[in-house]
């Protein structure tokens, strides 16, 4: 099921749109713009489609869109005018993204939500500049490098513990699980990469294809 997140300044304003989308069997959640803060941004990874309400200003929209992975579908509710941040004057709304309208009929809304192709992540110069922005502990770096050198193959949890901690124990296995969770979050916050690791229960972990391509393209492990 496609998951949709509506970002707005007033949740009550979006009741009709939310109802229509739910009629189309989408899983819909409505939140305020605080979701775009650095503390909450990781939540966006759980949604395929992001809709910005027309009560979000142009400046806020542009700033928010930069924080969203290119693998997402992004829509902006149409409005004849949008409020500008600083002086609250009105300016024409011109944005290069999908547009929808609250007056859309159900079929029009379904077509809009399902239109467009989810794009492959583009590792731009901006990603290269972030190469050293992701702060990792020595053990986090060692775990990530171990999985990177696995070239997408599953690396056994015990093998990782032997390499990083020098022994396999309940403590090291628990620490490994925590490190994987932290790495997933750090990679997402830094590079907006949706899925960094694949977990095979009872076996181990592997680095996702996109994550391996990312770290290879920016030379993350180059000395």
Protein backbone atom coordinates (compact mmCIF):
# COMPACT_ATOMS: atom_id res chain seq x y z
CA UNK A 1 0.00 0.00 0.00
CA UNK A 2 1.26 3.46 -0.91
CA UNK A 3 1.92 5.61 2.14
CA UNK A 4 1.24 9.34 1.95
CA UNK A 5 2.32 12.10 4.31
CA UNK A 6 0.61 15.51 4.23
CA UNK A 7 2.67 18.36 5.67
CA UNK A 8 0.64 21.38 6.74
CA UNK A 9 0.40 24.25 9.21
CA UNK A 10 -3.14 23.28 10.18
CA UNK A 11 -4.16 19.63 10.21
CA UNK A 12 -7.86 20.52 10.24
CA UNK A 13 -7.46 22.19 6.83
CA UNK A 14 -6.57 18.84 5.26
CA UNK A 15 -9.48 16.74 6.53
CA UNK A 16 -11.25 16.60 3.15
CA UNK A 17 -8.10 15.68 1.22
CA UNK A 18 -7.14 13.09 3.81
CA UNK A 19 -10.62 11.54 3.58
CA UNK A 20 -10.50 11.36 -0.22
CA UNK A 21 -7.08 9.69 -0.20
CA UNK A 22 -8.23 7.15 2.37
CA UNK A 23 -11.23 6.37 0.15
CA UNK A 24 -8.67 5.37 -2.47
CA UNK A 25 -7.11 2.93 0.03
CA UNK A 26 -3.96 4.96 0.63
CA UNK A 27 -2.44 4.99 4.10
CA UNK A 28 -2.50 8.71 4.91
CA UNK A 29 -0.98 10.66 7.78
CA UNK A 30 -1.18 14.39 8.36
CA UNK A 31 1.47 16.28 10.34
CA UNK A 32 2.67 19.83 10.91
CA UNK A 33 5.80 21.30 9.33
CA UNK A 34 7.78 20.48 12.49
CA UNK A 35 8.32 17.06 10.88
CA UNK A 36 11.02 18.74 8.75
CA UNK A 37 13.22 19.51 11.75
CA UNK A 38 16.52 17.63 11.99
CA UNK A 39 15.19 15.64 14.96
CA UNK A 40 12.13 14.37 13.09
CA UNK A 41 13.24 14.23 9.44
CA UNK A 42 14.01 10.49 9.59
CA UNK A 43 10.25 9.79 9.78
CA UNK A 44 9.93 10.69 6.08
CA UNK A 45 11.68 7.47 5.13
CA UNK A 46 8.49 5.54 5.89
CA UNK A 47 6.43 7.35 3.23
CA UNK A 48 6.42 6.94 -0.55
CA UNK A 49 4.63 10.22 -1.26
CA UNK A 50 4.91 13.63 0.39
CA UNK A 51 2.26 16.34 -0.07
CA UNK A 52 2.94 19.93 0.96
CA UNK A 53 -0.19 21.91 1.75
CA UNK A 54 -0.79 25.29 0.12
CA UNK A 55 -0.49 26.91 3.57
CA UNK A 56 3.23 26.11 3.50
CA UNK A 57 5.11 29.13 2.15
CA UNK A 58 7.36 28.98 -0.90
CA UNK A 59 10.49 29.40 1.21
CA UNK A 60 9.43 26.64 3.60
CA UNK A 61 8.51 24.38 0.70
CA UNK A 62 11.84 24.83 -1.06
CA UNK A 63 13.76 24.28 2.19
CA UNK A 64 11.70 21.20 2.99
CA UNK A 65 11.98 19.70 -0.48
CA UNK A 66 15.78 19.76 -0.23
CA UNK A 67 15.56 17.48 2.79
CA UNK A 68 13.49 14.87 0.97
CA UNK A 69 15.04 11.97 -0.87
CA UNK A 70 14.84 12.06 -4.66
CA UNK A 71 13.26 8.61 -4.46
CA UNK A 72 10.03 10.20 -3.13
CA UNK A 73 7.06 11.53 -5.03
CA UNK A 74 6.54 15.14 -3.96
CA UNK A 75 3.34 17.10 -4.55
CA UNK A 76 2.25 20.63 -3.75
CA UNK A 77 -1.38 21.56 -3.24
CA UNK A 78 -2.28 24.11 -5.85
CA UNK A 79 -3.18 27.61 -4.81
CA UNK A 80 -3.44 30.75 -6.86
CA UNK A 81 -1.16 32.49 -4.42
CA UNK A 82 1.23 31.48 -1.69
CA UNK A 83 2.37 33.44 1.33
CA UNK A 84 5.94 34.70 1.28
CA UNK A 85 7.81 34.26 4.54
CA UNK A 86 9.22 37.62 5.53
CA UNK A 87 6.61 40.27 4.87
CA UNK A 88 3.55 38.03 4.33
CA UNK A 89 2.98 39.55 0.91
CA UNK A 90 1.42 37.34 -1.74
CA UNK A 91 3.33 36.03 -4.73
CA UNK A 92 2.31 33.68 -7.56
CA UNK A 93 2.97 30.05 -6.78
CA UNK A 94 5.51 28.56 -9.16
CA UNK A 95 7.10 25.27 -8.17
CA UNK A 96 8.61 22.52 -10.27
CA UNK A 97 6.86 19.55 -8.73
CA UNK A 98 3.66 17.60 -9.09
CA UNK A 99 0.53 19.61 -8.32
CA UNK A 100 -2.80 18.47 -7.01
CA UNK A 101 -5.98 20.26 -6.07
CA UNK A 102 -8.38 19.60 -3.21
CA UNK A 103 -11.21 19.79 -5.74
CA UNK A 104 -9.86 16.83 -7.70
CA UNK A 105 -12.35 14.03 -8.19
CA UNK A 106 -11.35 10.64 -6.80
CA UNK A 107 -10.21 9.30 -10.17
CA UNK A 108 -8.13 12.42 -10.84
CA UNK A 109 -6.58 12.13 -7.40
CA UNK A 110 -5.74 8.46 -7.91
CA UNK A 111 -4.09 9.18 -11.25
CA UNK A 112 -2.07 12.01 -9.75
CA UNK A 113 -0.87 9.90 -6.82
CA UNK A 114 0.17 7.02 -9.04
CA UNK A 115 1.68 9.14 -11.79
CA UNK A 116 5.36 9.69 -12.26
CA UNK A 117 8.27 7.40 -11.73
CA UNK A 118 10.16 7.17 -8.49
CA UNK A 119 13.61 8.36 -9.48
CA UNK A 120 16.87 6.66 -8.74
CA UNK A 121 18.90 8.59 -6.19
CA UNK A 122 21.25 11.02 -7.90
CA UNK A 123 24.58 11.36 -6.10
CA UNK A 124 25.39 14.96 -6.88
CA UNK A 125 28.26 17.22 -5.96
CA UNK A 126 26.32 18.07 -2.80
CA UNK A 127 26.62 14.43 -1.70
CA UNK A 128 30.34 14.51 -2.40
CA UNK A 129 30.68 17.57 -0.20
CA UNK A 130 29.01 15.65 2.62
CA UNK A 131 31.59 12.88 2.47
CA UNK A 132 33.08 13.80 5.81
CA UNK A 133 29.98 15.29 7.41
CA UNK A 134 28.78 11.94 8.71
CA UNK A 135 30.46 11.54 12.07
CA UNK A 136 31.09 7.89 12.96
CA UNK A 137 32.68 6.23 15.95
CA UNK A 138 35.57 3.84 15.28
CA UNK A 139 33.33 0.81 15.69
CA UNK A 140 30.58 2.29 13.50
CA UNK A 141 33.15 2.95 10.80
CA UNK A 142 34.56 -0.58 11.14
CA UNK A 143 31.11 -2.19 10.85
CA UNK A 144 30.22 -0.05 7.83
CA UNK A 145 33.53 -0.84 6.12
CA UNK A 146 33.09 -4.55 6.81
CA UNK A 147 29.70 -4.53 5.08
CA UNK A 148 31.00 -2.34 2.25
CA UNK A 149 33.76 -4.85 1.55
CA UNK A 150 31.11 -7.56 1.39
CA UNK A 151 29.96 -6.05 -1.94
CA UNK A 152 26.29 -6.71 -1.22
CA UNK A 153 26.74 -10.22 0.14
CA UNK A 154 25.38 -11.07 3.57
CA UNK A 155 28.07 -10.90 6.23
CA UNK A 156 27.49 -13.16 9.21
CA UNK A 157 26.91 -11.35 12.51
CA UNK A 158 29.51 -13.49 14.26
CA UNK A 159 32.06 -12.67 11.57
CA UNK A 160 31.45 -8.95 12.04
CA UNK A 161 31.81 -9.27 15.81
CA UNK A 162 35.10 -11.15 15.40
CA UNK A 163 36.46 -8.44 13.12
CA UNK A 164 35.26 -5.45 15.15
CA UNK A 165 35.31 -6.66 18.77
CA UNK A 166 37.71 -9.59 18.48
CA UNK A 167 35.19 -12.02 19.96
CA UNK A 168 31.56 -13.09 19.74
CA UNK A 169 29.43 -12.56 22.83
CA UNK A 170 25.91 -11.51 23.74
CA UNK A 171 27.33 -8.08 24.47
CA UNK A 172 29.01 -7.68 21.07
CA UNK A 173 25.96 -9.04 19.21
CA UNK A 174 23.72 -6.56 21.02
CA UNK A 175 26.16 -3.72 20.33
CA UNK A 176 26.21 -4.68 16.64
CA UNK A 177 22.42 -4.44 16.39
CA UNK A 178 22.52 -0.98 17.97
CA UNK A 179 25.27 0.15 15.61
CA UNK A 180 23.30 -0.97 12.55
CA UNK A 181 20.31 1.09 13.74
CA UNK A 182 22.50 4.14 14.34
CA UNK A 183 24.21 3.80 10.97
CA UNK A 184 20.87 3.51 9.18
CA UNK A 185 19.73 6.76 10.78
CA UNK A 186 23.02 8.60 10.18
CA UNK A 187 23.17 7.61 6.51
CA UNK A 188 19.59 8.73 6.01
CA UNK A 189 20.09 12.08 7.74
CA UNK A 190 23.28 12.79 5.80
CA UNK A 191 22.49 11.44 2.33
CA UNK A 192 18.68 10.93 2.41
CA UNK A 193 19.26 7.33 1.38
CA UNK A 194 16.12 5.31 2.04
CA UNK A 195 17.55 1.87 2.74
CA UNK A 196 21.18 1.29 3.66
CA UNK A 197 21.15 -2.23 5.04
CA UNK A 198 19.38 -5.52 4.44
CA UNK A 199 18.89 -7.79 7.43
CA UNK A 200 18.61 -11.54 7.09
CA UNK A 201 17.41 -12.83 10.42
CA UNK A 202 19.60 -15.56 11.80
CA UNK A 203 22.23 -14.85 9.15
CA UNK A 204 23.60 -11.33 9.13
CA UNK A 205 23.62 -7.99 7.34
CA UNK A 206 24.46 -6.70 3.90
CA UNK A 207 24.88 -3.23 2.47
CA UNK A 208 22.13 -2.30 0.03
CA UNK A 209 23.01 -1.78 -3.62
CA UNK A 210 22.26 1.95 -3.45
CA UNK A 211 24.33 2.39 -0.29
CA UNK A 212 27.30 0.56 -1.80
CA UNK A 213 27.02 2.67 -4.94
CA UNK A 214 26.87 5.84 -2.85
CA UNK A 215 29.96 5.10 -0.76
CA UNK A 216 31.86 3.94 -3.82
CA UNK A 217 30.94 7.02 -5.87
CA UNK A 218 32.05 9.46 -3.17
CA UNK A 219 35.13 7.46 -2.21
CA UNK A 220 33.99 7.28 1.40
CA UNK A 221 36.61 4.71 2.39
CA UNK A 222 39.43 6.14 0.29
CA UNK A 223 42.40 7.13 2.41
